[in-house]
Amino acid sequence: MYNISRSHHCASQAHIKGEMFNFFIPQISRASFDLVVKIASIVLILATPIPTTHAQISINSGSITSLETLMPDLLKADSVDKALNVLKPSLTKTQLLKSDYLLLDSPTIAPAGLMSVRLMSELPGTELFVLMNTSPAKGDSAILAAQEIPNMGKSDIRVKIKLEKSTELLLAVRAAGKWYSVSNDVKIATK
């Protein structure tokens, strides 16, 4: 049963009391109303598509081809400077700009083997992530991961890398035509 006199009063004070939809539904308890609102919020959140940069690669962008053509030379690079020299425009480690808008989230101490690393950029116009090992084993590439990103403001990806010895990881990011970097030390635990 609807309470018409109360619903008119509630409609006039809907924004004050936070009971905006109270006049549309029959008399129910506040707890039940809150539950309905929570369920509706969850449904809206689940129905909203979440952008994931690692899954959104545009075939028409033309930038994929550039990374694909660079990868054979990048994988041959056995030092950071050789890898950076392959990138366009070529540069050296000392030319990378340090940035507080980059995150390289890696374990400080980890067992040898596979580990998950999070790479994030809040730099406007982020185009490319390149994760490098500053001291690769003899015969190994300095490149651990490379990912091209559609020109976005905030990009967040996760990669799995394999490390056998302690090293410094270097993340180089191209954003708006400039190169930025951040680094982390990873100690490999021994038995």
N, C-alpha and C. Protein backbone atom coordinates (compact mmCIF):
# COMPACT_ATOMS: atom_id res chain seq x y z
N MET A 1 0.83 -1.18 0.00
CA MET A 1 0.00 0.00 0.00
C MET A 1 0.87 1.24 0.00
N TYR A 2 0.51 2.21 -0.82
CA TYR A 2 1.27 3.45 -0.92
C TYR A 2 0.73 4.47 0.06
N ASN A 3 1.63 5.23 0.63
CA ASN A 3 1.24 6.29 1.54
C ASN A 3 1.39 7.60 0.78
N ILE A 4 0.30 8.10 0.21
CA ILE A 4 0.35 9.24 -0.70
C ILE A 4 0.75 10.52 0.02
N SER A 5 0.23 10.78 1.18
CA SER A 5 0.58 12.02 1.87
C SER A 5 2.06 12.03 2.25
N ARG A 6 2.58 10.90 2.65
CA ARG A 6 4.00 10.82 3.01
C ARG A 6 4.87 10.95 1.76
N SER A 7 4.44 10.34 0.63
CA SER A 7 5.26 10.38 -0.58
C SER A 7 5.39 11.81 -1.10
N HIS A 8 4.32 12.64 -0.97
CA HIS A 8 4.40 14.03 -1.40
C HIS A 8 5.42 14.77 -0.53
N HIS A 9 5.38 14.52 0.76
CA HIS A 9 6.32 15.16 1.68
C HIS A 9 7.75 14.71 1.37
N CYS A 10 7.94 13.42 1.08
CA CYS A 10 9.27 12.89 0.77
C CYS A 10 9.80 13.46 -0.53
N ALA A 11 8.92 13.66 -1.50
CA ALA A 11 9.37 14.19 -2.79
C ALA A 11 9.93 15.59 -2.63
N SER A 12 9.36 16.38 -1.74
CA SER A 12 9.85 17.74 -1.56
C SER A 12 11.18 17.77 -0.80
N GLN A 13 11.45 16.74 0.00
CA GLN A 13 12.69 16.71 0.77
C GLN A 13 13.59 15.55 0.34
N ALA A 14 13.44 15.09 -0.89
CA ALA A 14 14.17 13.91 -1.35
C ALA A 14 15.67 14.12 -1.30
N HIS A 15 16.14 15.28 -1.73
CA HIS A 15 17.57 15.51 -1.76
C HIS A 15 18.13 15.74 -0.37
N ILE A 16 17.33 16.25 0.54
CA ILE A 16 17.81 16.51 1.90
C ILE A 16 18.02 15.21 2.65
N LYS A 17 17.06 14.31 2.59
CA LYS A 17 17.14 13.07 3.35
C LYS A 17 17.85 11.95 2.60
N GLY A 18 18.11 12.12 1.31
CA GLY A 18 18.76 11.06 0.55
C GLY A 18 17.79 9.94 0.20
N GLU A 19 16.50 10.20 0.26
CA GLU A 19 15.49 9.18 -0.04
C GLU A 19 14.78 9.55 -1.33
N MET A 20 15.53 9.79 -2.35
CA MET A 20 15.00 10.30 -3.60
C MET A 20 13.94 9.40 -4.21
N PHE A 21 14.10 8.10 -4.11
CA PHE A 21 13.19 7.18 -4.77
C PHE A 21 12.16 6.59 -3.81
N ASN A 22 12.07 7.10 -2.64
CA ASN A 22 11.18 6.56 -1.62
C ASN A 22 9.71 6.71 -2.02
N PHE A 23 9.35 7.73 -2.77
CA PHE A 23 7.95 7.94 -3.14
C PHE A 23 7.51 7.04 -4.29
N PHE A 24 8.43 6.31 -4.95
CA PHE A 24 8.08 5.42 -6.04
C PHE A 24 7.79 4.00 -5.59
N ILE A 25 8.20 3.65 -4.43
CA ILE A 25 8.08 2.27 -3.97
C ILE A 25 7.20 2.19 -2.74
N PRO A 26 6.60 1.02 -2.50
CA PRO A 26 5.77 0.87 -1.31
C PRO A 26 6.63 1.02 -0.05
N GLN A 27 6.00 1.16 1.05
CA GLN A 27 6.69 1.30 2.34
C GLN A 27 7.57 0.08 2.59
N ILE A 28 8.89 0.29 2.61
CA ILE A 28 9.82 -0.78 2.94
C ILE A 28 10.80 -0.23 3.96
N SER A 29 11.48 -1.12 4.62
CA SER A 29 12.44 -0.66 5.64
C SER A 29 13.63 0.02 4.99
N ARG A 30 14.30 0.84 5.75
CA ARG A 30 15.48 1.56 5.26
C ARG A 30 16.58 0.55 4.86
N ALA A 31 16.73 -0.51 5.63
CA ALA A 31 17.74 -1.53 5.33
C ALA A 31 17.46 -2.21 3.98
N SER A 32 16.19 -2.50 3.70
CA SER A 32 15.84 -3.11 2.42
C SER A 32 16.10 -2.14 1.27
N PHE A 33 15.78 -0.88 1.49
CA PHE A 33 16.02 0.14 0.48
C PHE A 33 17.52 0.26 0.19
N ASP A 34 18.33 0.28 1.25
CA ASP A 34 19.78 0.36 1.07
C ASP A 34 20.31 -0.85 0.31
N LEU A 35 19.76 -2.02 0.58
CA LEU A 35 20.17 -3.23 -0.12
C LEU A 35 19.85 -3.13 -1.61
N VAL A 36 18.68 -2.62 -1.96
CA VAL A 36 18.28 -2.44 -3.36
C VAL A 36 19.25 -1.47 -4.04
N VAL A 37 19.60 -0.38 -3.37
CA VAL A 37 20.52 0.60 -3.94
C VAL A 37 21.89 -0.03 -4.16
N LYS A 38 22.38 -0.83 -3.20
CA LYS A 38 23.68 -1.48 -3.36
C LYS A 38 23.66 -2.46 -4.52
N ILE A 39 22.61 -3.23 -4.65
CA ILE A 39 22.51 -4.19 -5.75
C ILE A 39 22.48 -3.45 -7.09
N ALA A 40 21.72 -2.37 -7.17
CA ALA A 40 21.66 -1.59 -8.41
C ALA A 40 23.03 -1.01 -8.74
N SER A 41 23.77 -0.55 -7.73
CA SER A 41 25.11 -0.01 -7.96
C SER A 41 26.05 -1.08 -8.48
N ILE A 42 25.98 -2.26 -7.91
CA ILE A 42 26.84 -3.36 -8.35
C ILE A 42 26.52 -3.74 -9.79
N VAL A 43 25.24 -3.79 -10.12
CA VAL A 43 24.84 -4.12 -11.49
C VAL A 43 25.38 -3.08 -12.47
N LEU A 44 25.30 -1.80 -12.11
CA LEU A 44 25.83 -0.75 -12.98
C LEU A 44 27.34 -0.86 -13.12
N ILE A 45 28.04 -1.16 -12.03
CA ILE A 45 29.50 -1.29 -12.09
C ILE A 45 29.88 -2.46 -12.98
N LEU A 46 29.20 -3.59 -12.82
CA LEU A 46 29.52 -4.77 -13.62
C LEU A 46 29.17 -4.58 -15.09
N ALA A 47 28.18 -3.75 -15.37
CA ALA A 47 27.76 -3.53 -16.75
C ALA A 47 28.65 -2.52 -17.47
N THR A 48 29.45 -1.75 -16.72
CA THR A 48 30.31 -0.74 -17.31
C THR A 48 31.59 -1.40 -17.82
N PRO A 49 31.94 -1.21 -19.09
CA PRO A 49 33.18 -1.81 -19.59
C PRO A 49 34.39 -1.14 -18.96
N ILE A 50 35.38 -1.95 -18.59
CA ILE A 50 36.60 -1.44 -17.97
C ILE A 50 37.69 -1.46 -19.02
N PRO A 51 38.30 -0.28 -19.30
CA PRO A 51 39.36 -0.28 -20.30
C PRO A 51 40.62 -0.95 -19.75
N THR A 52 41.17 -1.88 -20.51
CA THR A 52 42.43 -2.52 -20.13
C THR A 52 43.40 -2.30 -21.27
N THR A 53 44.47 -1.61 -20.98
CA THR A 53 45.39 -1.22 -22.03
C THR A 53 46.07 -2.40 -22.68
N HIS A 54 46.33 -3.47 -21.91
CA HIS A 54 47.03 -4.59 -22.51
C HIS A 54 46.16 -5.37 -23.48
N ALA A 55 44.85 -5.14 -23.46
CA ALA A 55 43.96 -5.85 -24.37
C ALA A 55 43.47 -4.96 -25.50
N GLN A 56 43.82 -3.69 -25.45
CA GLN A 56 43.32 -2.77 -26.47
C GLN A 56 44.46 -2.35 -27.40
N ILE A 57 44.70 -3.12 -28.41
CA ILE A 57 45.72 -2.77 -29.39
C ILE A 57 45.02 -2.58 -30.73
N SER A 58 45.15 -1.41 -31.28
CA SER A 58 44.49 -1.10 -32.53
C SER A 58 45.34 -1.53 -33.71
N ILE A 59 44.78 -2.32 -34.58
CA ILE A 59 45.51 -2.81 -35.75
C ILE A 59 45.75 -1.67 -36.74
N ASN A 60 44.87 -0.69 -36.77
CA ASN A 60 44.99 0.39 -37.73
C ASN A 60 45.96 1.49 -37.29
N SER A 61 46.49 1.41 -36.06
CA SER A 61 47.31 2.50 -35.55
C SER A 61 48.65 2.62 -36.26
N GLY A 62 49.14 1.54 -36.82
CA GLY A 62 50.43 1.60 -37.50
C GLY A 62 51.59 1.50 -36.54
N SER A 63 51.37 1.71 -35.25
CA SER A 63 52.46 1.69 -34.30
C SER A 63 52.88 0.26 -33.96
N ILE A 64 51.98 -0.71 -34.13
CA ILE A 64 52.33 -2.10 -33.86
C ILE A 64 53.44 -2.54 -34.81
N THR A 65 53.32 -2.17 -36.05
CA THR A 65 54.32 -2.54 -37.04
C THR A 65 55.69 -2.02 -36.63
N SER A 66 55.75 -0.79 -36.11
CA SER A 66 57.04 -0.23 -35.73
C SER A 66 57.67 -1.04 -34.61
N LEU A 67 56.90 -1.46 -33.61
CA LEU A 67 57.46 -2.28 -32.54
C LEU A 67 57.83 -3.66 -33.07
N GLU A 68 57.00 -4.22 -33.93
CA GLU A 68 57.29 -5.53 -34.50
C GLU A 68 58.56 -5.50 -35.35
N THR A 69 58.78 -4.43 -36.06
CA THR A 69 59.99 -4.35 -36.88
C THR A 69 61.22 -4.09 -36.02
N LEU A 70 61.06 -3.44 -34.88
CA LEU A 70 62.19 -3.17 -33.99
C LEU A 70 62.56 -4.36 -33.11
N MET A 71 61.61 -5.26 -32.85
CA MET A 71 61.84 -6.34 -31.90
C MET A 71 63.04 -7.23 -32.23
N PRO A 72 63.28 -7.63 -33.47
CA PRO A 72 64.47 -8.46 -33.72
C PRO A 72 65.77 -7.77 -33.29
N ASP A 73 65.89 -6.47 -33.58
CA ASP A 73 67.08 -5.73 -33.17
C ASP A 73 67.12 -5.51 -31.67
N LEU A 74 65.95 -5.26 -31.07
CA LEU A 74 65.90 -5.07 -29.62
C LEU A 74 66.33 -6.33 -28.88
N LEU A 75 65.88 -7.48 -29.37
CA LEU A 75 66.22 -8.74 -28.70
C LEU A 75 67.69 -9.10 -28.85
N LYS A 76 68.37 -8.55 -29.83
CA LYS A 76 69.81 -8.79 -30.00
C LYS A 76 70.64 -7.91 -29.07
N ALA A 77 70.06 -6.83 -28.56
CA ALA A 77 70.80 -5.89 -27.72
C ALA A 77 71.15 -6.53 -26.39
N ASP A 78 72.44 -6.54 -26.06
CA ASP A 78 72.86 -7.15 -24.81
C ASP A 78 73.18 -6.13 -23.72
N SER A 79 72.84 -4.86 -23.96
CA SER A 79 72.99 -3.82 -22.94
C SER A 79 71.86 -2.80 -23.11
N VAL A 80 71.64 -2.04 -22.07
CA VAL A 80 70.57 -1.03 -22.10
C VAL A 80 70.85 0.01 -23.18
N ASP A 81 72.09 0.50 -23.25
CA ASP A 81 72.41 1.52 -24.25
C ASP A 81 72.24 1.02 -25.68
N LYS A 82 72.58 -0.25 -25.93
CA LYS A 82 72.37 -0.81 -27.27
C LYS A 82 70.88 -0.92 -27.59
N ALA A 83 70.08 -1.29 -26.59
CA ALA A 83 68.63 -1.39 -26.80
C ALA A 83 68.04 0.00 -27.05
N LEU A 84 68.46 0.98 -26.27
CA LEU A 84 67.94 2.34 -26.44
C LEU A 84 68.38 2.93 -27.78
N ASN A 85 69.53 2.52 -28.28
CA ASN A 85 70.02 3.00 -29.56
C ASN A 85 69.14 2.51 -30.71
N VAL A 86 68.48 1.34 -30.52
CA VAL A 86 67.60 0.80 -31.55
C VAL A 86 66.29 1.59 -31.63
N LEU A 87 65.84 2.11 -30.48
CA LEU A 87 64.56 2.83 -30.42
C LEU A 87 64.64 4.13 -31.19
N LYS A 88 63.48 4.63 -31.57
CA LYS A 88 63.41 5.87 -32.34
C LYS A 88 62.79 6.98 -31.50
N PRO A 89 63.39 8.12 -31.36
CA PRO A 89 64.76 8.44 -31.74
C PRO A 89 65.74 7.72 -30.80
N SER A 90 66.90 7.37 -31.32
CA SER A 90 67.87 6.64 -30.50
C SER A 90 68.39 7.56 -29.40
N LEU A 91 68.71 6.95 -28.26
CA LEU A 91 69.17 7.71 -27.11
C LEU A 91 70.01 6.81 -26.22
N THR A 92 70.55 7.39 -25.17
CA THR A 92 71.32 6.62 -24.20
C THR A 92 70.61 6.68 -22.85
N LYS A 93 71.06 5.85 -21.92
CA LYS A 93 70.44 5.78 -20.60
C LYS A 93 70.47 7.13 -19.88
N THR A 94 71.52 7.89 -20.07
CA THR A 94 71.65 9.19 -19.40
C THR A 94 70.69 10.23 -19.97
N GLN A 95 70.15 10.00 -21.16
CA GLN A 95 69.22 10.95 -21.77
C GLN A 95 67.77 10.72 -21.33
N LEU A 96 67.50 9.61 -20.65
CA LEU A 96 66.14 9.34 -20.16
C LEU A 96 65.80 10.31 -19.04
N LEU A 97 64.60 10.88 -19.08
CA LEU A 97 64.15 11.80 -18.04
C LEU A 97 63.52 11.01 -16.90
N LYS A 98 63.90 11.29 -15.67
CA LYS A 98 63.29 10.63 -14.51
C LYS A 98 61.89 11.21 -14.33
N SER A 99 60.95 10.35 -13.94
CA SER A 99 59.58 10.81 -13.80
C SER A 99 58.91 10.19 -12.57
N ASP A 100 58.21 11.02 -11.82
CA ASP A 100 57.41 10.56 -10.68
C ASP A 100 56.06 10.03 -11.14
N TYR A 101 55.75 10.13 -12.41
CA TYR A 101 54.47 9.68 -12.94
C TYR A 101 54.55 8.26 -13.52
N LEU A 102 55.66 7.58 -13.23
CA LEU A 102 55.83 6.19 -13.65
C LEU A 102 55.91 5.31 -12.41
N LEU A 103 55.41 4.09 -12.55
CA LEU A 103 55.51 3.11 -11.48
C LEU A 103 56.07 1.82 -12.05
N LEU A 104 57.11 1.32 -11.41
CA LEU A 104 57.68 0.01 -11.72
C LEU A 104 57.56 -0.79 -10.43
N ASP A 105 56.50 -1.58 -10.34
CA ASP A 105 56.20 -2.32 -9.12
C ASP A 105 56.71 -3.75 -9.27
N SER A 106 57.87 -4.00 -8.65
CA SER A 106 58.48 -5.32 -8.70
C SER A 106 58.86 -5.71 -7.28
N PRO A 107 59.00 -7.01 -7.02
CA PRO A 107 59.40 -7.42 -5.68
C PRO A 107 60.83 -6.94 -5.37
N THR A 108 61.08 -6.58 -4.13
CA THR A 108 62.42 -6.18 -3.72
C THR A 108 63.32 -7.40 -3.60
N ILE A 109 62.76 -8.47 -3.02
CA ILE A 109 63.46 -9.74 -2.88
C ILE A 109 62.54 -10.81 -3.45
N ALA A 110 63.10 -11.68 -4.30
CA ALA A 110 62.28 -12.71 -4.94
C ALA A 110 63.12 -13.95 -5.18
N PRO A 111 62.47 -15.12 -5.26
CA PRO A 111 63.21 -16.32 -5.65
C PRO A 111 63.50 -16.27 -7.14
N ALA A 112 64.53 -17.00 -7.55
CA ALA A 112 64.86 -17.05 -8.97
C ALA A 112 63.70 -17.67 -9.75
N GLY A 113 63.47 -17.17 -10.94
CA GLY A 113 62.40 -17.70 -11.78
C GLY A 113 61.43 -16.61 -12.19
N LEU A 114 60.20 -17.04 -12.48
CA LEU A 114 59.17 -16.10 -12.95
C LEU A 114 58.65 -15.21 -11.83
N MET A 115 58.40 -13.96 -12.17
CA MET A 115 57.78 -13.02 -11.23
C MET A 115 56.91 -12.05 -12.01
N SER A 116 55.90 -11.54 -11.33
CA SER A 116 54.98 -10.58 -11.93
C SER A 116 55.47 -9.16 -11.64
N VAL A 117 55.43 -8.31 -12.65
CA VAL A 117 55.86 -6.92 -12.52
C VAL A 117 54.76 -6.04 -13.10
N ARG A 118 54.44 -4.98 -12.38
CA ARG A 118 53.41 -4.03 -12.83
C ARG A 118 54.10 -2.78 -13.37
N LEU A 119 53.69 -2.35 -14.55
CA LEU A 119 54.21 -1.16 -15.19
C LEU A 119 53.06 -0.17 -15.35
N MET A 120 53.24 1.04 -14.84
CA MET A 120 52.15 2.01 -14.93
C MET A 120 52.70 3.38 -15.30
N SER A 121 51.98 4.07 -16.15
CA SER A 121 52.33 5.42 -16.55
C SER A 121 51.10 6.32 -16.43
N GLU A 122 51.28 7.46 -15.80
CA GLU A 122 50.23 8.48 -15.76
C GLU A 122 50.63 9.67 -16.64
N LEU A 123 51.63 9.47 -17.46
CA LEU A 123 52.07 10.53 -18.37
C LEU A 123 51.09 10.64 -19.54
N PRO A 124 50.68 11.85 -19.89
CA PRO A 124 49.78 12.01 -21.04
C PRO A 124 50.47 11.56 -22.33
N GLY A 125 49.74 10.87 -23.16
CA GLY A 125 50.27 10.44 -24.45
C GLY A 125 51.23 9.27 -24.38
N THR A 126 51.07 8.40 -23.38
CA THR A 126 51.95 7.23 -23.26
C THR A 126 51.78 6.34 -24.49
N GLU A 127 52.91 5.98 -25.11
CA GLU A 127 52.88 5.20 -26.35
C GLU A 127 53.55 3.84 -26.22
N LEU A 128 54.62 3.73 -25.42
CA LEU A 128 55.44 2.52 -25.44
C LEU A 128 56.08 2.28 -24.07
N PHE A 129 56.02 1.03 -23.60
CA PHE A 129 56.74 0.58 -22.41
C PHE A 129 57.87 -0.34 -22.88
N VAL A 130 59.07 -0.15 -22.32
CA VAL A 130 60.18 -1.07 -22.57
C VAL A 130 60.83 -1.36 -21.22
N LEU A 131 60.74 -2.63 -20.78
CA LEU A 131 61.33 -3.05 -19.51
C LEU A 131 62.65 -3.75 -19.81
N MET A 132 63.71 -3.28 -19.14
CA MET A 132 65.04 -3.80 -19.43
C MET A 132 65.76 -4.27 -18.17
N ASN A 133 66.65 -5.22 -18.36
CA ASN A 133 67.55 -5.72 -17.33
C ASN A 133 68.88 -4.99 -17.54
N THR A 134 69.35 -4.24 -16.53
CA THR A 134 70.58 -3.46 -16.72
C THR A 134 71.84 -4.31 -16.72
N SER A 135 71.74 -5.54 -16.22
CA SER A 135 72.92 -6.42 -16.22
C SER A 135 72.51 -7.84 -16.63
N PRO A 136 72.19 -8.02 -17.91
CA PRO A 136 71.77 -9.36 -18.35
C PRO A 136 72.95 -10.34 -18.33
N ALA A 137 72.63 -11.62 -18.19
CA ALA A 137 73.66 -12.66 -18.27
C ALA A 137 74.25 -12.66 -19.67
N LYS A 138 75.48 -13.14 -19.77
CA LYS A 138 76.16 -13.17 -21.07
C LYS A 138 75.33 -13.98 -22.07
N GLY A 139 75.07 -13.38 -23.21
CA GLY A 139 74.29 -14.03 -24.25
C GLY A 139 72.80 -13.75 -24.16
N ASP A 140 72.34 -13.11 -23.07
CA ASP A 140 70.91 -12.78 -22.93
C ASP A 140 70.64 -11.37 -23.41
N SER A 141 69.41 -11.12 -23.79
CA SER A 141 68.98 -9.79 -24.22
C SER A 141 68.73 -8.92 -22.99
N ALA A 142 68.95 -7.63 -23.16
CA ALA A 142 68.64 -6.68 -22.09
C ALA A 142 67.13 -6.44 -22.01
N ILE A 143 66.42 -6.72 -23.08
CA ILE A 143 64.97 -6.49 -23.13
C ILE A 143 64.23 -7.63 -22.42
N LEU A 144 63.43 -7.26 -21.41
CA LEU A 144 62.60 -8.24 -20.71
C LEU A 144 61.17 -8.23 -21.24
N ALA A 145 60.68 -7.05 -21.59
CA ALA A 145 59.31 -6.91 -22.11
C ALA A 145 59.20 -5.58 -22.85
N ALA A 146 58.36 -5.56 -23.86
CA ALA A 146 58.05 -4.33 -24.59
C ALA A 146 56.59 -4.38 -24.97
N GLN A 147 55.89 -3.28 -24.77
CA GLN A 147 54.46 -3.23 -25.06
C GLN A 147 54.12 -1.87 -25.63
N GLU A 148 53.50 -1.88 -26.79
CA GLU A 148 53.02 -0.64 -27.38
C GLU A 148 51.61 -0.39 -26.87
N ILE A 149 51.33 0.86 -26.56
CA ILE A 149 50.05 1.25 -25.96
C ILE A 149 49.39 2.28 -26.87
N PRO A 150 48.07 2.17 -27.07
CA PRO A 150 47.39 3.26 -27.79
C PRO A 150 47.64 4.56 -27.03
N ASN A 151 47.76 5.64 -27.72
CA ASN A 151 48.07 6.94 -27.13
C ASN A 151 47.06 7.28 -26.04
N MET A 152 47.42 6.97 -24.79
CA MET A 152 46.48 7.13 -23.68
C MET A 152 47.12 7.97 -22.58
N GLY A 153 46.27 8.46 -21.67
CA GLY A 153 46.76 9.24 -20.54
C GLY A 153 47.30 8.38 -19.44
N LYS A 154 46.60 7.32 -19.08
CA LYS A 154 47.05 6.44 -18.01
C LYS A 154 47.06 5.01 -18.54
N SER A 155 48.19 4.35 -18.37
CA SER A 155 48.32 2.98 -18.85
C SER A 155 48.86 2.12 -17.72
N ASP A 156 48.33 0.93 -17.61
CA ASP A 156 48.70 0.03 -16.53
C ASP A 156 48.73 -1.38 -17.09
N ILE A 157 49.89 -2.02 -17.08
CA ILE A 157 50.00 -3.39 -17.57
C ILE A 157 50.78 -4.23 -16.58
N ARG A 158 50.62 -5.53 -16.68
CA ARG A 158 51.38 -6.48 -15.87
C ARG A 158 52.08 -7.43 -16.83
N VAL A 159 53.33 -7.72 -16.49
CA VAL A 159 54.10 -8.66 -17.30
C VAL A 159 54.75 -9.67 -16.37
N LYS A 160 55.06 -10.83 -16.91
CA LYS A 160 55.82 -11.85 -16.19
C LYS A 160 57.21 -11.88 -16.79
N ILE A 161 58.21 -11.80 -15.91
CA ILE A 161 59.59 -11.84 -16.36
C ILE A 161 60.32 -12.94 -15.60
N LYS A 162 61.44 -13.37 -16.15
CA LYS A 162 62.23 -14.41 -15.50
C LYS A 162 63.60 -13.83 -15.17
N LEU A 163 63.97 -13.89 -13.89
CA LEU A 163 65.27 -13.43 -13.45
C LEU A 163 65.98 -14.54 -12.70
N GLU A 164 67.27 -14.69 -12.96
CA GLU A 164 68.07 -15.73 -12.29
C GLU A 164 69.08 -15.13 -11.32
N LYS A 165 69.36 -13.81 -11.46
CA LYS A 165 70.32 -13.17 -10.55
C LYS A 165 69.83 -11.76 -10.22
N SER A 166 70.37 -11.21 -9.12
CA SER A 166 70.00 -9.86 -8.69
C SER A 166 70.35 -8.86 -9.79
N THR A 167 69.48 -7.87 -9.96
CA THR A 167 69.70 -6.90 -11.03
C THR A 167 68.91 -5.62 -10.75
N GLU A 168 69.15 -4.64 -11.58
CA GLU A 168 68.36 -3.42 -11.59
C GLU A 168 67.45 -3.49 -12.82
N LEU A 169 66.15 -3.28 -12.59
CA LEU A 169 65.20 -3.21 -13.70
C LEU A 169 65.05 -1.75 -14.09
N LEU A 170 64.99 -1.50 -15.38
CA LEU A 170 64.81 -0.14 -15.89
C LEU A 170 63.59 -0.13 -16.79
N LEU A 171 62.64 0.74 -16.48
CA LEU A 171 61.46 0.93 -17.32
C LEU A 171 61.63 2.23 -18.09
N ALA A 172 61.64 2.13 -19.41
CA ALA A 172 61.69 3.31 -20.28
C ALA A 172 60.32 3.45 -20.92
N VAL A 173 59.77 4.64 -20.88
CA VAL A 173 58.44 4.91 -21.42
C VAL A 173 58.51 6.09 -22.38
N ARG A 174 57.95 5.88 -23.58
CA ARG A 174 57.83 6.99 -24.53
C ARG A 174 56.44 7.58 -24.37
N ALA A 175 56.41 8.88 -24.09
CA ALA A 175 55.13 9.59 -23.94
C ALA A 175 55.26 10.95 -24.60
N ALA A 176 54.35 11.23 -25.48
CA ALA A 176 54.32 12.51 -26.20
C ALA A 176 55.67 12.82 -26.87
N GLY A 177 56.31 11.77 -27.40
CA GLY A 177 57.56 11.95 -28.13
C GLY A 177 58.81 12.03 -27.27
N LYS A 178 58.69 12.01 -25.94
CA LYS A 178 59.85 12.07 -25.05
C LYS A 178 60.00 10.74 -24.33
N TRP A 179 61.22 10.48 -23.85
CA TRP A 179 61.51 9.24 -23.13
C TRP A 179 61.71 9.51 -21.65
N TYR A 180 61.03 8.73 -20.82
CA TYR A 180 61.10 8.85 -19.37
C TYR A 180 61.50 7.50 -18.79
N SER A 181 61.97 7.52 -17.53
CA SER A 181 62.39 6.25 -16.93
C SER A 181 62.18 6.22 -15.42
N VAL A 182 62.16 5.00 -14.93
CA VAL A 182 62.16 4.71 -13.49
C VAL A 182 62.86 3.36 -13.34
N SER A 183 63.52 3.13 -12.20
CA SER A 183 64.22 1.86 -12.02
C SER A 183 64.00 1.30 -10.62
N ASN A 184 64.19 -0.01 -10.49
CA ASN A 184 64.07 -0.72 -9.23
C ASN A 184 65.14 -1.79 -9.16
N ASP A 185 65.65 -2.02 -7.96
CA ASP A 185 66.57 -3.13 -7.73
C ASP A 185 65.79 -4.34 -7.30
N VAL A 186 66.13 -5.50 -7.83
CA VAL A 186 65.52 -6.76 -7.43
C VAL A 186 66.65 -7.68 -6.96
N LYS A 187 66.56 -8.12 -5.71
CA LYS A 187 67.53 -9.07 -5.17
C LYS A 187 66.94 -10.47 -5.30
N ILE A 188 67.72 -11.37 -5.88
CA ILE A 188 67.28 -12.76 -6.01
C ILE A 188 67.80 -13.54 -4.81
N ALA A 189 66.85 -14.12 -4.08
CA ALA A 189 67.21 -14.88 -2.88
C ALA A 189 67.89 -16.18 -3.25
N THR A 190 68.92 -16.50 -2.50
CA THR A 190 69.62 -17.78 -2.70
C THR A 190 69.30 -18.71 -1.56
N LYS A 191 69.41 -19.99 -1.83
CA LYS A 191 69.07 -20.98 -0.80
C LYS A 191 70.16 -21.14 0.20
